[in-house]
């Protein structure tokens, strides 16, 4: 905007996608059991797509997509490395998320 005047934005929120940090290490397998987002403002709907790999130099494999249910995403995936893609519909403010992992042993 080059009008140099204060303006407001109106309308409904659209779809927003964010990725998690990369979770894991080369020495241990871990199993993700649950992811619970923390919202300041919750979305109309949300889904999570899981990505995983077992070697740090490999690319991530896209796994399944799960819908949010009761404020959380429940699924099982065991691997050395994990990455999560969150997709939100509607206006939302994400404050963070809790990740429930179970150690799967050493290689």
C-alpha atoms as a PDB file:
ATOM      1  CA  UNK A   1       0.000   0.000   0.000  1.00  0.00           C
ATOM      2  CA  UNK A   2       1.494   3.301  -1.004  1.00  0.00           C
ATOM      3  CA  UNK A   3      -1.416   5.550   0.115  1.00  0.00           C
ATOM      4  CA  UNK A   4       0.187   6.133   3.552  1.00  0.00           C
ATOM      5  CA  UNK A   5      -3.228   5.818   5.194  1.00  0.00           C
ATOM      6  CA  UNK A   6      -4.228   3.438   7.972  1.00  0.00           C
ATOM      7  CA  UNK A   7      -6.341   0.601   6.597  1.00  0.00           C
ATOM      8  CA  UNK A   8      -8.136  -2.423   8.003  1.00  0.00           C
ATOM      9  CA  UNK A   9      -8.535  -5.886   6.577  1.00  0.00           C
ATOM     10  CA  UNK A  10     -11.909  -7.564   6.737  1.00  0.00           C
ATOM     11  CA  UNK A  11     -13.232 -10.907   5.639  1.00  0.00           C
ATOM     12  CA  UNK A  12     -13.004 -14.487   6.736  1.00  0.00           C
ATOM     13  CA  UNK A  13      -9.824 -16.426   7.287  1.00  0.00           C
ATOM     14  CA  UNK A  14      -8.641 -18.807   4.603  1.00  0.00           C
ATOM     15  CA  UNK A  15      -6.385 -21.865   4.799  1.00  0.00           C
ATOM     16  CA  UNK A  16      -3.008 -21.674   6.544  1.00  0.00           C
ATOM     17  CA  UNK A  17      -0.244 -24.291   6.460  1.00  0.00           C
ATOM     18  CA  UNK A  18       2.757 -24.461   8.790  1.00  0.00           C
ATOM     19  CA  UNK A  19       5.527 -27.034   9.238  1.00  0.00           C
ATOM     20  CA  UNK A  20       7.073 -28.210  12.485  1.00  0.00           C
ATOM     21  CA  UNK A  21      10.769 -28.317  13.177  1.00  0.00           C
ATOM     22  CA  UNK A  22      12.507 -31.607  12.326  1.00  0.00           C
ATOM     23  CA  UNK A  23      12.105 -34.033  15.238  1.00  0.00           C
ATOM     24  CA  UNK A  24      14.476 -36.917  16.027  1.00  0.00           C
ATOM     25  CA  UNK A  25      18.097 -38.047  15.766  1.00  0.00           C
ATOM     26  CA  UNK A  26      20.290 -40.614  13.994  1.00  0.00           C
ATOM     27  CA  UNK A  27      20.664 -42.944  16.994  1.00  0.00           C
ATOM     28  CA  UNK A  28      17.113 -43.590  18.232  1.00  0.00           C
ATOM     29  CA  UNK A  29      13.744 -44.519  16.812  1.00  0.00           C
ATOM     30  CA  UNK A  30      10.756 -42.709  18.262  1.00  0.00           C
ATOM     31  CA  UNK A  31       7.026 -43.222  17.848  1.00  0.00           C
ATOM     32  CA  UNK A  32       4.731 -40.229  17.650  1.00  0.00           C
ATOM     33  CA  UNK A  33       1.455 -41.032  19.385  1.00  0.00           C
ATOM     34  CA  UNK A  34      -0.295 -37.681  19.657  1.00  0.00           C
ATOM     35  CA  UNK A  35       0.101 -34.032  18.751  1.00  0.00           C
ATOM     36  CA  UNK A  36      -1.966 -31.427  20.590  1.00  0.00           C
ATOM     37  CA  UNK A  37      -1.892 -27.862  19.228  1.00  0.00           C
ATOM     38  CA  UNK A  38      -2.284 -24.931  21.587  1.00  0.00           C
ATOM     39  CA  UNK A  39      -4.390 -22.121  20.168  1.00  0.00           C
ATOM     40  CA  UNK A  40      -5.049 -18.538  21.150  1.00  0.00           C
ATOM     41  CA  UNK A  41      -7.882 -18.704  18.588  1.00  0.00           C
ATOM     42  CA  UNK A  42      -8.896 -22.141  17.332  1.00  0.00           C
ATOM     43  CA  UNK A  43      -9.549 -22.952  13.660  1.00  0.00           C
ATOM     44  CA  UNK A  44     -12.792 -24.089  12.078  1.00  0.00           C
ATOM     45  CA  UNK A  45     -11.027 -27.335  11.145  1.00  0.00           C
ATOM     46  CA  UNK A  46      -7.478 -28.686  11.111  1.00  0.00           C
ATOM     47  CA  UNK A  47      -5.504 -31.575   9.665  1.00  0.00           C
ATOM     48  CA  UNK A  48      -1.990 -32.914  10.133  1.00  0.00           C
ATOM     49  CA  UNK A  49       0.198 -34.705   7.585  1.00  0.00           C
ATOM     50  CA  UNK A  50       3.078 -36.766   8.938  1.00  0.00           C
ATOM     51  CA  UNK A  51       6.449 -37.031   7.158  1.00  0.00           C
ATOM     52  CA  UNK A  52       9.216 -39.424   8.211  1.00  0.00           C
ATOM     53  CA  UNK A  53      12.643 -40.817   7.309  1.00  0.00           C
ATOM     54  CA  UNK A  54      15.223 -43.158   8.851  1.00  0.00           C
ATOM     55  CA  UNK A  55      18.423 -41.698   7.389  1.00  0.00           C
ATOM     56  CA  UNK A  56      19.303 -38.039   7.875  1.00  0.00           C
ATOM     57  CA  UNK A  57      20.548 -37.682   4.279  1.00  0.00           C
ATOM     58  CA  UNK A  58      17.309 -39.073   2.763  1.00  0.00           C
ATOM     59  CA  UNK A  59      14.289 -37.030   1.764  1.00  0.00           C
ATOM     60  CA  UNK A  60      11.134 -37.213   3.839  1.00  0.00           C
ATOM     61  CA  UNK A  61       8.361 -39.644   2.876  1.00  0.00           C
ATOM     62  CA  UNK A  62       4.841 -38.233   3.055  1.00  0.00           C
ATOM     63  CA  UNK A  63       2.659 -40.441   5.217  1.00  0.00           C
ATOM     64  CA  UNK A  64      -1.061 -40.149   5.949  1.00  0.00           C
ATOM     65  CA  UNK A  65      -3.199 -37.143   6.840  1.00  0.00           C
ATOM     66  CA  UNK A  66      -5.367 -37.169   9.956  1.00  0.00           C
ATOM     67  CA  UNK A  67      -8.128 -34.728  10.959  1.00  0.00           C
ATOM     68  CA  UNK A  68      -8.078 -33.010  14.326  1.00  0.00           C
ATOM     69  CA  UNK A  69     -10.443 -34.672  16.790  1.00  0.00           C
ATOM     70  CA  UNK A  70     -11.207 -33.374  20.281  1.00  0.00           C
ATOM     71  CA  UNK A  71      -8.415 -30.802  19.963  1.00  0.00           C
ATOM     72  CA  UNK A  72      -5.682 -33.298  19.061  1.00  0.00           C
ATOM     73  CA  UNK A  73      -4.220 -35.471  16.316  1.00  0.00           C
ATOM     74  CA  UNK A  74      -3.850 -39.157  17.250  1.00  0.00           C
ATOM     75  CA  UNK A  75      -1.701 -41.433  15.086  1.00  0.00           C
ATOM     76  CA  UNK A  76       1.271 -43.800  15.284  1.00  0.00           C
ATOM     77  CA  UNK A  77       4.476 -43.484  13.269  1.00  0.00           C
ATOM     78  CA  UNK A  78       7.834 -44.945  14.299  1.00  0.00           C
ATOM     79  CA  UNK A  79      10.949 -43.535  12.641  1.00  0.00           C
ATOM     80  CA  UNK A  80      14.229 -41.765  13.413  1.00  0.00           C
ATOM     81  CA  UNK A  81      13.116 -38.438  11.933  1.00  0.00           C
ATOM     82  CA  UNK A  82       9.685 -36.792  11.809  1.00  0.00           C
ATOM     83  CA  UNK A  83       8.258 -33.602  10.347  1.00  0.00           C
ATOM     84  CA  UNK A  84       4.647 -32.414  10.641  1.00  0.00           C
ATOM     85  CA  UNK A  85       2.538 -30.260   8.336  1.00  0.00           C
ATOM     86  CA  UNK A  86      -0.447 -28.562   9.956  1.00  0.00           C
ATOM     87  CA  UNK A  87      -3.261 -27.213   7.774  1.00  0.00           C
ATOM     88  CA  UNK A  88      -5.836 -24.929   9.398  1.00  0.00           C
ATOM     89  CA  UNK A  89      -9.098 -23.592   7.981  1.00  0.00           C
ATOM     90  CA  UNK A  90     -10.564 -20.369   9.322  1.00  0.00           C
ATOM     91  CA  UNK A  91      -9.008 -17.664  11.422  1.00  0.00           C
ATOM     92  CA  UNK A  92      -6.586 -19.121  13.941  1.00  0.00           C
ATOM     93  CA  UNK A  93      -3.616 -18.220  16.092  1.00  0.00           C
ATOM     94  CA  UNK A  94      -1.321 -21.128  16.961  1.00  0.00           C
ATOM     95  CA  UNK A  95       0.649 -20.643  20.188  1.00  0.00           C
ATOM     96  CA  UNK A  96       2.537 -23.961  20.009  1.00  0.00           C
ATOM     97  CA  UNK A  97       1.976 -27.688  20.280  1.00  0.00           C
ATOM     98  CA  UNK A  98       2.658 -30.615  22.590  1.00  0.00           C
ATOM     99  CA  UNK A  99       4.189 -33.738  21.107  1.00  0.00           C
ATOM    100  CA  UNK A 100       3.747 -37.156  22.709  1.00  0.00           C
ATOM    101  CA  UNK A 101       6.667 -39.425  21.752  1.00  0.00           C
ATOM    102  CA  UNK A 102       7.638 -42.895  22.865  1.00  0.00           C
ATOM    103  CA  UNK A 103      11.266 -43.977  22.595  1.00  0.00           C
ATOM    104  CA  UNK A 104      11.659 -46.926  20.245  1.00  0.00           C
ATOM    105  CA  UNK A 105      15.191 -48.069  21.051  1.00  0.00           C
ATOM    106  CA  UNK A 106      18.673 -47.641  19.632  1.00  0.00           C
ATOM    107  CA  UNK A 107      19.922 -48.741  16.260  1.00  0.00           C
END
